[in-house]
Amino acid sequence: ATFQDAMAASEKLREAAPRYHLDLAHVVAVGHSAGGHLAMWLQ
């Protein structure tokens, strides 16, 4: 589930991008400690 949530949360960006003017061509993941693991895992 932890990994599936990281996937789902990242993919939610696509839905939110038009409303909040988010540039999907320039998304940089930044993760710390266990979050650094999950960020690298997304890659």
PDB file of all heavy atoms in Angstrom:
ATOM      1  N   ALA A   1       0.805  -1.222   0.000  1.00  0.00           N
ATOM      2  CA  ALA A   1       0.000   0.000   0.000  1.00  0.00           C
ATOM      3  C   ALA A   1       0.841   1.277   0.000  1.00  0.00           C
ATOM      4  O   ALA A   1       0.486   2.265  -0.656  1.00  0.00           O
ATOM      5  CB  ALA A   1      -0.943   0.011   1.201  1.00  0.00           C
ATOM      6  N   THR A   2       1.950   1.273   0.734  1.00  0.00           N
ATOM      7  CA  THR A   2       2.767   2.486   0.784  1.00  0.00           C
ATOM      8  C   THR A   2       3.246   2.863  -0.608  1.00  0.00           C
ATOM      9  O   THR A   2       3.217   4.036  -1.005  1.00  0.00           O
ATOM     10  CB  THR A   2       3.956   2.279   1.739  1.00  0.00           C
ATOM     11  OG1 THR A   2       3.446   2.101   3.070  1.00  0.00           O
ATOM     12  CG2 THR A   2       4.897   3.463   1.726  1.00  0.00           C
ATOM     13  N   PHE A   3       3.682   1.880  -1.368  1.00  0.00           N
ATOM     14  CA  PHE A   3       4.138   2.138  -2.732  1.00  0.00           C
ATOM     15  C   PHE A   3       2.968   2.536  -3.633  1.00  0.00           C
ATOM     16  O   PHE A   3       3.092   3.444  -4.472  1.00  0.00           O
ATOM     17  CB  PHE A   3       4.829   0.891  -3.291  1.00  0.00           C
ATOM     18  CG  PHE A   3       6.067   0.494  -2.555  1.00  0.00           C
ATOM     19  CD1 PHE A   3       5.999  -0.402  -1.495  1.00  0.00           C
ATOM     20  CD2 PHE A   3       7.293   1.022  -2.901  1.00  0.00           C
ATOM     21  CE1 PHE A   3       7.148  -0.774  -0.814  1.00  0.00           C
ATOM     22  CE2 PHE A   3       8.451   0.657  -2.222  1.00  0.00           C
ATOM     23  CZ  PHE A   3       8.370  -0.238  -1.176  1.00  0.00           C
ATOM     24  N   GLN A   4       1.847   1.860  -3.484  1.00  0.00           N
ATOM     25  CA  GLN A   4       0.677   2.191  -4.307  1.00  0.00           C
ATOM     26  C   GLN A   4       0.196   3.612  -4.035  1.00  0.00           C
ATOM     27  O   GLN A   4      -0.259   4.304  -4.955  1.00  0.00           O
ATOM     28  CB  GLN A   4      -0.426   1.173  -4.037  1.00  0.00           C
ATOM     29  CG  GLN A   4      -0.082  -0.220  -4.565  1.00  0.00           C
ATOM     30  CD  GLN A   4      -1.024  -1.308  -4.068  1.00  0.00           C
ATOM     31  OE1 GLN A   4      -1.693  -1.151  -3.054  1.00  0.00           O
ATOM     32  NE2 GLN A   4      -1.064  -2.426  -4.783  1.00  0.00           N
ATOM     33  N   ASP A   5       0.316   4.050  -2.788  1.00  0.00           N
ATOM     34  CA  ASP A   5      -0.060   5.427  -2.473  1.00  0.00           C
ATOM     35  C   ASP A   5       0.898   6.423  -3.114  1.00  0.00           C
ATOM     36  O   ASP A   5       0.479   7.486  -3.606  1.00  0.00           O
ATOM     37  CB  ASP A   5      -0.094   5.634  -0.956  1.00  0.00           C
ATOM     38  CG  ASP A   5      -1.351   5.066  -0.325  1.00  0.00           C
ATOM     39  OD1 ASP A   5      -2.187   4.482  -1.052  1.00  0.00           O
ATOM     40  OD2 ASP A   5      -1.512   5.221   0.901  1.00  0.00           O
ATOM     41  N   ALA A   6       2.200   6.128  -3.089  1.00  0.00           N
ATOM     42  CA  ALA A   6       3.163   7.005  -3.754  1.00  0.00           C
ATOM     43  C   ALA A   6       2.841   7.118  -5.243  1.00  0.00           C
ATOM     44  O   ALA A   6       2.905   8.213  -5.830  1.00  0.00           O
ATOM     45  CB  ALA A   6       4.582   6.485  -3.545  1.00  0.00           C
ATOM     46  N   MET A   7       2.462   5.994  -5.860  1.00  0.00           N
ATOM     47  CA  MET A   7       2.071   6.013  -7.267  1.00  0.00           C
ATOM     48  C   MET A   7       0.833   6.868  -7.481  1.00  0.00           C
ATOM     49  O   MET A   7       0.797   7.745  -8.342  1.00  0.00           O
ATOM     50  CB  MET A   7       1.795   4.588  -7.758  1.00  0.00           C
ATOM     51  CG  MET A   7       3.010   3.711  -7.892  1.00  0.00           C
ATOM     52  SD  MET A   7       2.666   2.145  -8.770  1.00  0.00           S
ATOM     53  CE  MET A   7       1.733   1.237  -7.541  1.00  0.00           C
ATOM     54  N   ALA A   8      -0.209   6.598  -6.687  1.00  0.00           N
ATOM     55  CA  ALA A   8      -1.484   7.283  -6.878  1.00  0.00           C
ATOM     56  C   ALA A   8      -1.361   8.778  -6.619  1.00  0.00           C
ATOM     57  O   ALA A   8      -1.943   9.596  -7.341  1.00  0.00           O
ATOM     58  CB  ALA A   8      -2.546   6.673  -5.967  1.00  0.00           C
ATOM     59  N   ALA A   9      -0.611   9.146  -5.585  1.00  0.00           N
ATOM     60  CA  ALA A   9      -0.446  10.566  -5.265  1.00  0.00           C
ATOM     61  C   ALA A   9       0.308  11.296  -6.364  1.00  0.00           C
ATOM     62  O   ALA A   9      -0.015  12.448  -6.699  1.00  0.00           O
ATOM     63  CB  ALA A   9       0.283  10.717  -3.931  1.00  0.00           C
ATOM     64  N   SER A  10       1.314  10.646  -6.933  1.00  0.00           N
ATOM     65  CA  SER A  10       2.054  11.297  -8.018  1.00  0.00           C
ATOM     66  C   SER A  10       1.184  11.433  -9.265  1.00  0.00           C
ATOM     67  O   SER A  10       1.197  12.471  -9.940  1.00  0.00           O
ATOM     68  CB  SER A  10       3.336  10.519  -8.329  1.00  0.00           C
ATOM     69  OG  SER A  10       3.067   9.226  -8.833  1.00  0.00           O
ATOM     70  N   GLU A  11       0.392  10.417  -9.567  1.00  0.00           N
ATOM     71  CA  GLU A  11      -0.451  10.462 -10.757  1.00  0.00           C
ATOM     72  C   GLU A  11      -1.607  11.444 -10.614  1.00  0.00           C
ATOM     73  O   GLU A  11      -2.135  11.956 -11.614  1.00  0.00           O
ATOM     74  CB  GLU A  11      -0.952   9.057 -11.072  1.00  0.00           C
ATOM     75  CG  GLU A  11       0.176   8.120 -11.521  1.00  0.00           C
ATOM     76  CD  GLU A  11      -0.212   6.658 -11.550  1.00  0.00           C
ATOM     77  OE1 GLU A  11      -1.420   6.360 -11.415  1.00  0.00           O
ATOM     78  OE2 GLU A  11       0.692   5.815 -11.703  1.00  0.00           O
ATOM     79  N   LYS A  12      -2.005  11.752  -9.384  1.00  0.00           N
ATOM     80  CA  LYS A  12      -3.048  12.749  -9.127  1.00  0.00           C
ATOM     81  C   LYS A  12      -2.641  14.129  -9.650  1.00  0.00           C
ATOM     82  O   LYS A  12      -3.500  14.974  -9.931  1.00  0.00           O
ATOM     83  CB  LYS A  12      -3.317  12.810  -7.618  1.00  0.00           C
ATOM     84  CG  LYS A  12      -4.387  13.801  -7.185  1.00  0.00           C
ATOM     85  CD  LYS A  12      -5.782  13.300  -7.451  1.00  0.00           C
ATOM     86  CE  LYS A  12      -6.830  14.244  -6.859  1.00  0.00           C
ATOM     87  NZ  LYS A  12      -8.210  13.762  -7.067  1.00  0.00           N
ATOM     88  N   LEU A  13      -1.335  14.343  -9.790  1.00  0.00           N
ATOM     89  CA  LEU A  13      -0.845  15.618 -10.315  1.00  0.00           C
ATOM     90  C   LEU A  13      -1.455  15.944 -11.674  1.00  0.00           C
ATOM     91  O   LEU A  13      -1.742  17.110 -11.974  1.00  0.00           O
ATOM     92  CB  LEU A  13       0.677  15.556 -10.452  1.00  0.00           C
ATOM     93  CG  LEU A  13       1.521  16.281  -9.423  1.00  0.00           C
ATOM     94  CD1 LEU A  13       2.993  15.958  -9.631  1.00  0.00           C
ATOM     95  CD2 LEU A  13       1.304  17.781  -9.488  1.00  0.00           C
ATOM     96  N   ARG A  14      -1.624  14.939 -12.497  1.00  0.00           N
ATOM     97  CA  ARG A  14      -2.168  15.191 -13.839  1.00  0.00           C
ATOM     98  C   ARG A  14      -3.557  15.818 -13.765  1.00  0.00           C
ATOM     99  O   ARG A  14      -3.885  16.735 -14.518  1.00  0.00           O
ATOM    100  CB  ARG A  14      -2.246  13.885 -14.632  1.00  0.00           C
ATOM    101  CG  ARG A  14      -0.918  13.289 -15.012  1.00  0.00           C
ATOM    102  CD  ARG A  14      -1.141  12.211 -16.064  1.00  0.00           C
ATOM    103  NE  ARG A  14       0.098  11.507 -16.376  1.00  0.00           N
ATOM    104  CZ  ARG A  14       0.468  10.364 -15.820  1.00  0.00           C
ATOM    105  NH1 ARG A  14      -0.331   9.774 -14.928  1.00  0.00           N
ATOM    106  NH2 ARG A  14       1.605   9.792 -16.144  1.00  0.00           N
ATOM    107  N   GLU A  15      -4.368  15.307 -12.861  1.00  0.00           N
ATOM    108  CA  GLU A  15      -5.728  15.823 -12.706  1.00  0.00           C
ATOM    109  C   GLU A  15      -5.730  17.255 -12.181  1.00  0.00           C
ATOM    110  O   GLU A  15      -6.547  18.086 -12.594  1.00  0.00           O
ATOM    111  CB  GLU A  15      -6.504  14.906 -11.755  1.00  0.00           C
ATOM    112  CG  GLU A  15      -7.921  15.342 -11.468  1.00  0.00           C
ATOM    113  CD  GLU A  15      -8.582  14.452 -10.429  1.00  0.00           C
ATOM    114  OE1 GLU A  15      -8.270  13.245 -10.369  1.00  0.00           O
ATOM    115  OE2 GLU A  15      -9.412  14.978  -9.655  1.00  0.00           O
ATOM    116  N   ALA A  16      -4.804  17.556 -11.277  1.00  0.00           N
ATOM    117  CA  ALA A  16      -4.780  18.875 -10.640  1.00  0.00           C
ATOM    118  C   ALA A  16      -4.084  19.936 -11.483  1.00  0.00           C
ATOM    119  O   ALA A  16      -4.288  21.137 -11.259  1.00  0.00           O
ATOM    120  CB  ALA A  16      -4.078  18.770  -9.287  1.00  0.00           C
ATOM    121  N   ALA A  17      -3.256  19.528 -12.426  1.00  0.00           N
ATOM    122  CA  ALA A  17      -2.402  20.468 -13.150  1.00  0.00           C
ATOM    123  C   ALA A  17      -3.148  21.609 -13.825  1.00  0.00           C
ATOM    124  O   ALA A  17      -2.757  22.780 -13.672  1.00  0.00           O
ATOM    125  CB  ALA A  17      -1.548  19.709 -14.160  1.00  0.00           C
ATOM    126  N   PRO A  18      -4.224  21.373 -14.573  1.00  0.00           N
ATOM    127  CA  PRO A  18      -4.884  22.503 -15.246  1.00  0.00           C
ATOM    128  C   PRO A  18      -5.459  23.522 -14.266  1.00  0.00           C
ATOM    129  O   PRO A  18      -5.332  24.739 -14.478  1.00  0.00           O
ATOM    130  CB  PRO A  18      -5.990  21.821 -16.065  1.00  0.00           C
ATOM    131  CG  PRO A  18      -5.533  20.416 -16.238  1.00  0.00           C
ATOM    132  CD  PRO A  18      -4.817  20.078 -14.969  1.00  0.00           C
ATOM    133  N   ARG A  19      -6.080  23.049 -13.203  1.00  0.00           N
ATOM    134  CA  ARG A  19      -6.717  23.963 -12.253  1.00  0.00           C
ATOM    135  C   ARG A  19      -5.693  24.841 -11.540  1.00  0.00           C
ATOM    136  O   ARG A  19      -5.934  26.025 -11.313  1.00  0.00           O
ATOM    137  CB  ARG A  19      -7.520  23.161 -11.224  1.00  0.00           C
ATOM    138  CG  ARG A  19      -8.162  24.029 -10.146  1.00  0.00           C
ATOM    139  CD  ARG A  19      -8.932  23.198  -9.148  1.00  0.00           C
ATOM    140  NE  ARG A  19      -9.508  24.022  -8.105  1.00  0.00           N
ATOM    141  CZ  ARG A  19     -10.174  23.539  -7.046  1.00  0.00           C
ATOM    142  NH1 ARG A  19     -10.353  22.225  -6.917  1.00  0.00           N
ATOM    143  NH2 ARG A  19     -10.664  24.354  -6.137  1.00  0.00           N
ATOM    144  N   TYR A  20      -4.532  24.266 -11.202  1.00  0.00           N
ATOM    145  CA  TYR A  20      -3.568  24.989 -10.386  1.00  0.00           C
ATOM    146  C   TYR A  20      -2.351  25.463 -11.173  1.00  0.00           C
ATOM    147  O   TYR A  20      -1.373  25.924 -10.582  1.00  0.00           O
ATOM    148  CB  TYR A  20      -3.117  24.089  -9.221  1.00  0.00           C
ATOM    149  CG  TYR A  20      -4.227  23.792  -8.246  1.00  0.00           C
ATOM    150  CD1 TYR A  20      -4.848  22.541  -8.229  1.00  0.00           C
ATOM    151  CD2 TYR A  20      -4.673  24.753  -7.348  1.00  0.00           C
ATOM    152  CE1 TYR A  20      -5.871  22.253  -7.326  1.00  0.00           C
ATOM    153  CE2 TYR A  20      -5.694  24.486  -6.456  1.00  0.00           C
ATOM    154  CZ  TYR A  20      -6.284  23.233  -6.449  1.00  0.00           C
ATOM    155  OH  TYR A  20      -7.302  22.967  -5.551  1.00  0.00           O
ATOM    156  N   HIS A  21      -2.415  25.374 -12.492  1.00  0.00           N
ATOM    157  CA  HIS A  21      -1.335  25.866 -13.355  1.00  0.00           C
ATOM    158  C   HIS A  21      -0.009  25.201 -13.014  1.00  0.00           C
ATOM    159  O   HIS A  21       1.013  25.861 -12.775  1.00  0.00           O
ATOM    160  CB  HIS A  21      -1.208  27.394 -13.250  1.00  0.00           C
ATOM    161  CG  HIS A  21      -2.501  28.127 -13.465  1.00  0.00           C
ATOM    162  ND1 HIS A  21      -3.095  28.242 -14.701  1.00  0.00           N
ATOM    163  CD2 HIS A  21      -3.334  28.747 -12.586  1.00  0.00           C
ATOM    164  CE1 HIS A  21      -4.233  28.915 -14.580  1.00  0.00           C
ATOM    165  NE2 HIS A  21      -4.403  29.229 -13.319  1.00  0.00           N
ATOM    166  N   LEU A  22      -0.008  23.888 -13.004  1.00  0.00           N
ATOM    167  CA  LEU A  22       1.187  23.120 -12.679  1.00  0.00           C
ATOM    168  C   LEU A  22       1.844  22.640 -13.965  1.00  0.00           C
ATOM    169  O   LEU A  22       1.182  22.115 -14.862  1.00  0.00           O
ATOM    170  CB  LEU A  22       0.821  21.921 -11.797  1.00  0.00           C
ATOM    171  CG  LEU A  22       0.039  22.244 -10.523  1.00  0.00           C
ATOM    172  CD1 LEU A  22      -0.294  20.968  -9.760  1.00  0.00           C
ATOM    173  CD2 LEU A  22       0.794  23.229  -9.642  1.00  0.00           C
ATOM    174  N   ASP A  23       3.140  22.819 -14.060  1.00  0.00           N
ATOM    175  CA  ASP A  23       3.906  22.485 -15.257  1.00  0.00           C
ATOM    176  C   ASP A  23       4.376  21.032 -15.170  1.00  0.00           C
ATOM    177  O   ASP A  23       5.376  20.725 -14.518  1.00  0.00           O
ATOM    178  CB  ASP A  23       5.095  23.435 -15.377  1.00  0.00           C
ATOM    179  CG  ASP A  23       5.919  23.193 -16.634  1.00  0.00           C
ATOM    180  OD1 ASP A  23       5.586  22.261 -17.406  1.00  0.00           O
ATOM    181  OD2 ASP A  23       6.894  23.937 -16.848  1.00  0.00           O
ATOM    182  N   LEU A  24       3.681  20.139 -15.841  1.00  0.00           N
ATOM    183  CA  LEU A  24       4.006  18.713 -15.763  1.00  0.00           C
ATOM    184  C   LEU A  24       5.294  18.360 -16.504  1.00  0.00           C
ATOM    185  O   LEU A  24       5.804  17.247 -16.349  1.00  0.00           O
ATOM    186  CB  LEU A  24       2.851  17.882 -16.303  1.00  0.00           C
ATOM    187  CG  LEU A  24       1.552  17.941 -15.495  1.00  0.00           C
ATOM    188  CD1 LEU A  24       0.500  17.028 -16.123  1.00  0.00           C
ATOM    189  CD2 LEU A  24       1.795  17.553 -14.042  1.00  0.00           C
ATOM    190  N   ALA A  25       5.822  19.285 -17.289  1.00  0.00           N
ATOM    191  CA  ALA A  25       7.098  19.040 -17.947  1.00  0.00           C
ATOM    192  C   ALA A  25       8.275  19.317 -17.025  1.00  0.00           C
ATOM    193  O   ALA A  25       9.418  19.008 -17.373  1.00  0.00           O
ATOM    194  CB  ALA A  25       7.218  19.899 -19.210  1.00  0.00           C
ATOM    195  N   HIS A  26       7.993  19.901 -15.875  1.00  0.00           N
ATOM    196  CA  HIS A  26       9.054  20.231 -14.920  1.00  0.00           C
ATOM    197  C   HIS A  26       8.636  19.804 -13.518  1.00  0.00           C
ATOM    198  O   HIS A  26       8.323  20.625 -12.657  1.00  0.00           O
ATOM    199  CB  HIS A  26       9.378  21.729 -14.957  1.00  0.00           C
ATOM    200  CG  HIS A  26      10.056  22.152 -16.224  1.00  0.00           C
ATOM    201  ND1 HIS A  26       9.352  22.514 -17.348  1.00  0.00           N
ATOM    202  CD2 HIS A  26      11.379  22.231 -16.546  1.00  0.00           C
ATOM    203  CE1 HIS A  26      10.208  22.827 -18.312  1.00  0.00           C
ATOM    204  NE2 HIS A  26      11.435  22.650 -17.852  1.00  0.00           N
ATOM    205  N   VAL A  27       8.627  18.494 -13.319  1.00  0.00           N
ATOM    206  CA  VAL A  27       8.321  17.915 -12.010  1.00  0.00           C
ATOM    207  C   VAL A  27       9.590  17.258 -11.482  1.00  0.00           C
ATOM    208  O   VAL A  27      10.125  16.335 -12.098  1.00  0.00           O
ATOM    209  CB  VAL A  27       7.186  16.874 -12.082  1.00  0.00           C
ATOM    210  CG1 VAL A  27       6.919  16.287 -10.693  1.00  0.00           C
ATOM    211  CG2 VAL A  27       5.922  17.487 -12.666  1.00  0.00           C
ATOM    212  N   VAL A  28      10.069  17.752 -10.353  1.00  0.00           N
ATOM    213  CA  VAL A  28      11.241  17.176  -9.693  1.00  0.00           C
ATOM    214  C   VAL A  28      10.786  16.581  -8.368  1.00  0.00           C
ATOM    215  O   VAL A  28      10.149  17.274  -7.559  1.00  0.00           O
ATOM    216  CB  VAL A  28      12.339  18.232  -9.450  1.00  0.00           C
ATOM    217  CG1 VAL A  28      13.470  17.652  -8.595  1.00  0.00           C
ATOM    218  CG2 VAL A  28      12.888  18.734 -10.778  1.00  0.00           C
ATOM    219  N   ALA A  29      11.059  15.311  -8.147  1.00  0.00           N
ATOM    220  CA  ALA A  29      10.733  14.679  -6.878  1.00  0.00           C
ATOM    221  C   ALA A  29      11.841  14.964  -5.870  1.00  0.00           C
ATOM    222  O   ALA A  29      13.026  14.884  -6.196  1.00  0.00           O
ATOM    223  CB  ALA A  29      10.573  13.171  -7.058  1.00  0.00           C
ATOM    224  N   VAL A  30      11.440  15.308  -4.656  1.00  0.00           N
ATOM    225  CA  VAL A  30      12.379  15.530  -3.556  1.00  0.00           C
ATOM    226  C   VAL A  30      11.885  14.702  -2.376  1.00  0.00           C
ATOM    227  O   VAL A  30      10.786  14.941  -1.864  1.00  0.00           O
ATOM    228  CB  VAL A  30      12.482  17.015  -3.168  1.00  0.00           C
ATOM    229  CG1 VAL A  30      13.390  17.184  -1.948  1.00  0.00           C
ATOM    230  CG2 VAL A  30      13.008  17.847  -4.330  1.00  0.00           C
ATOM    231  N   GLY A  31      12.669  13.730  -1.962  1.00  0.00           N
ATOM    232  CA  GLY A  31      12.276  12.878  -0.842  1.00  0.00           C
ATOM    233  C   GLY A  31      13.359  12.825   0.205  1.00  0.00           C
ATOM    234  O   GLY A  31      14.554  12.877  -0.116  1.00  0.00           O
ATOM    235  N   HIS A  32      12.933  12.716   1.467  1.00  0.00           N
ATOM    236  CA  HIS A  32      13.880  12.694   2.586  1.00  0.00           C
ATOM    237  C   HIS A  32      13.799  11.367   3.316  1.00  0.00           C
ATOM    238  O   HIS A  32      12.709  10.918   3.695  1.00  0.00           O
ATOM    239  CB  HIS A  32      13.555  13.840   3.556  1.00  0.00           C
ATOM    240  CG  HIS A  32      14.405  13.853   4.782  1.00  0.00           C
ATOM    241  ND1 HIS A  32      13.891  13.663   6.048  1.00  0.00           N
ATOM    242  CD2 HIS A  32      15.743  14.033   4.947  1.00  0.00           C
ATOM    243  CE1 HIS A  32      14.873  13.739   6.942  1.00  0.00           C
ATOM    244  NE2 HIS A  32      15.999  13.947   6.301  1.00  0.00           N
ATOM    245  N   SER A  33      14.934  10.710   3.505  1.00  0.00           N
ATOM    246  CA  SER A  33      15.035   9.493   4.304  1.00  0.00           C
ATOM    247  C   SER A  33      14.157   8.391   3.694  1.00  0.00           C
ATOM    248  O   SER A  33      14.380   7.990   2.559  1.00  0.00           O
ATOM    249  CB  SER A  33      14.688   9.805   5.760  1.00  0.00           C
ATOM    250  OG  SER A  33      15.100   8.778   6.637  1.00  0.00           O
ATOM    251  N   ALA A  34      13.139   7.909   4.415  1.00  0.00           N
ATOM    252  CA  ALA A  34      12.224   6.943   3.808  1.00  0.00           C
ATOM    253  C   ALA A  34      11.538   7.529   2.586  1.00  0.00           C
ATOM    254  O   ALA A  34      11.221   6.817   1.627  1.00  0.00           O
ATOM    255  CB  ALA A  34      11.184   6.488   4.835  1.00  0.00           C
ATOM    256  N   GLY A  35      11.289   8.835   2.595  1.00  0.00           N
ATOM    257  CA  GLY A  35      10.724   9.501   1.422  1.00  0.00           C
ATOM    258  C   GLY A  35      11.699   9.583   0.273  1.00  0.00           C
ATOM    259  O   GLY A  35      11.300   9.589  -0.896  1.00  0.00           O
ATOM    260  N   GLY A  36      13.007   9.643   0.586  1.00  0.00           N
ATOM    261  CA  GLY A  36      14.009   9.575  -0.470  1.00  0.00           C
ATOM    262  C   GLY A  36      13.989   8.228  -1.157  1.00  0.00           C
ATOM    263  O   GLY A  36      14.169   8.116  -2.377  1.00  0.00           O
ATOM    264  N   HIS A  37      13.748   7.184  -0.372  1.00  0.00           N
ATOM    265  CA  HIS A  37      13.566   5.844  -0.937  1.00  0.00           C
ATOM    266  C   HIS A  37      12.369   5.814  -1.880  1.00  0.00           C
ATOM    267  O   HIS A  37      12.455   5.321  -3.007  1.00  0.00           O
ATOM    268  CB  HIS A  37      13.384   4.830   0.202  1.00  0.00           C
ATOM    269  CG  HIS A  37      12.673   3.586  -0.201  1.00  0.00           C
ATOM    270  ND1 HIS A  37      11.316   3.404   0.050  1.00  0.00           N
ATOM    271  CD2 HIS A  37      13.100   2.465  -0.842  1.00  0.00           C
ATOM    272  CE1 HIS A  37      10.962   2.219  -0.416  1.00  0.00           C
ATOM    273  NE2 HIS A  37      12.019   1.627  -0.960  1.00  0.00           N
ATOM    274  N   LEU A  38      11.231   6.365  -1.435  1.00  0.00           N
ATOM    275  CA  LEU A  38      10.029   6.320  -2.259  1.00  0.00           C
ATOM    276  C   LEU A  38      10.167   7.183  -3.508  1.00  0.00           C
ATOM    277  O   LEU A  38       9.665   6.811  -4.581  1.00  0.00           O
ATOM    278  CB  LEU A  38       8.811   6.766  -1.441  1.00  0.00           C
ATOM    279  CG  LEU A  38       8.370   5.786  -0.353  1.00  0.00           C
ATOM    280  CD1 LEU A  38       7.292   6.419   0.528  1.00  0.00           C
ATOM    281  CD2 LEU A  38       7.873   4.471  -0.951  1.00  0.00           C
ATOM    282  N   ALA A  39      10.855   8.322  -3.403  1.00  0.00           N
ATOM    283  CA  ALA A  39      11.073   9.161  -4.579  1.00  0.00           C
ATOM    284  C   ALA A  39      11.923   8.426  -5.612  1.00  0.00           C
ATOM    285  O   ALA A  39      11.613   8.414  -6.811  1.00  0.00           O
ATOM    286  CB  ALA A  39      11.743  10.471  -4.170  1.00  0.00           C
ATOM    287  N   MET A  40      13.000   7.782  -5.153  1.00  0.00           N
ATOM    288  CA  MET A  40      13.841   7.034  -6.074  1.00  0.00           C
ATOM    289  C   MET A  40      13.078   5.843  -6.648  1.00  0.00           C
ATOM    290  O   MET A  40      13.239   5.493  -7.830  1.00  0.00           O
ATOM    291  CB  MET A  40      15.105   6.562  -5.367  1.00  0.00           C
ATOM    292  CG  MET A  40      16.160   6.007  -6.296  1.00  0.00           C
ATOM    293  SD  MET A  40      17.017   7.275  -7.281  1.00  0.00           S
ATOM    294  CE  MET A  40      18.176   7.903  -6.055  1.00  0.00           C
ATOM    295  N   TRP A  41      12.227   5.241  -5.831  1.00  0.00           N
ATOM    296  CA  TRP A  41      11.432   4.115  -6.314  1.00  0.00           C
ATOM    297  C   TRP A  41      10.482   4.560  -7.427  1.00  0.00           C
ATOM    298  O   TRP A  41      10.278   3.817  -8.404  1.00  0.00           O
ATOM    299  CB  TRP A  41      10.649   3.481  -5.165  1.00  0.00           C
ATOM    300  CG  TRP A  41       9.840   2.307  -5.598  1.00  0.00           C
ATOM    301  CD1 TRP A  41      10.252   1.005  -5.716  1.00  0.00           C
ATOM    302  CD2 TRP A  41       8.474   2.332  -6.046  1.00  0.00           C
ATOM    303  NE1 TRP A  41       9.230   0.216  -6.197  1.00  0.00           N
ATOM    304  CE2 TRP A  41       8.133   1.014  -6.401  1.00  0.00           C
ATOM    305  CE3 TRP A  41       7.523   3.339  -6.160  1.00  0.00           C
ATOM    306  CZ2 TRP A  41       6.861   0.673  -6.873  1.00  0.00           C
ATOM    307  CZ3 TRP A  41       6.254   3.017  -6.636  1.00  0.00           C
ATOM    308  CH2 TRP A  41       5.937   1.684  -6.986  1.00  0.00           C
ATOM    309  N   LEU A  42       9.907   5.760  -7.326  1.00  0.00           N
ATOM    310  CA  LEU A  42       9.050   6.256  -8.399  1.00  0.00           C
ATOM    311  C   LEU A  42       9.808   6.334  -9.714  1.00  0.00           C
ATOM    312  O   LEU A  42       9.263   6.026 -10.777  1.00  0.00           O
ATOM    313  CB  LEU A  42       8.477   7.631  -8.038  1.00  0.00           C
ATOM    314  CG  LEU A  42       7.374   7.660  -6.986  1.00  0.00           C
ATOM    315  CD1 LEU A  42       7.012   9.099  -6.632  1.00  0.00           C
ATOM    316  CD2 LEU A  42       6.130   6.902  -7.456  1.00  0.00           C
ATOM    317  N   GLN A  43      11.068   6.750  -9.647  1.00  0.00           N
ATOM    318  CA  GLN A  43      11.882   6.798 -10.851  1.00  0.00           C
ATOM    319  C   GLN A  43      12.153   5.388 -11.393  1.00  0.00           C
ATOM    320  O   GLN A  43      12.305   5.184 -12.596  1.00  0.00           O
ATOM    321  CB  GLN A  43      13.207   7.507 -10.551  1.00  0.00           C
ATOM    322  CG  GLN A  43      14.172   7.597 -11.720  1.00  0.00           C
ATOM    323  CD  GLN A  43      13.669   8.477 -12.848  1.00  0.00           C
ATOM    324  OE1 GLN A  43      12.868   9.390 -12.625  1.00  0.00           O
ATOM    325  NE2 GLN A  43      14.115   8.216 -14.071  1.00  0.00           N
TER     326      GLN A  43
END
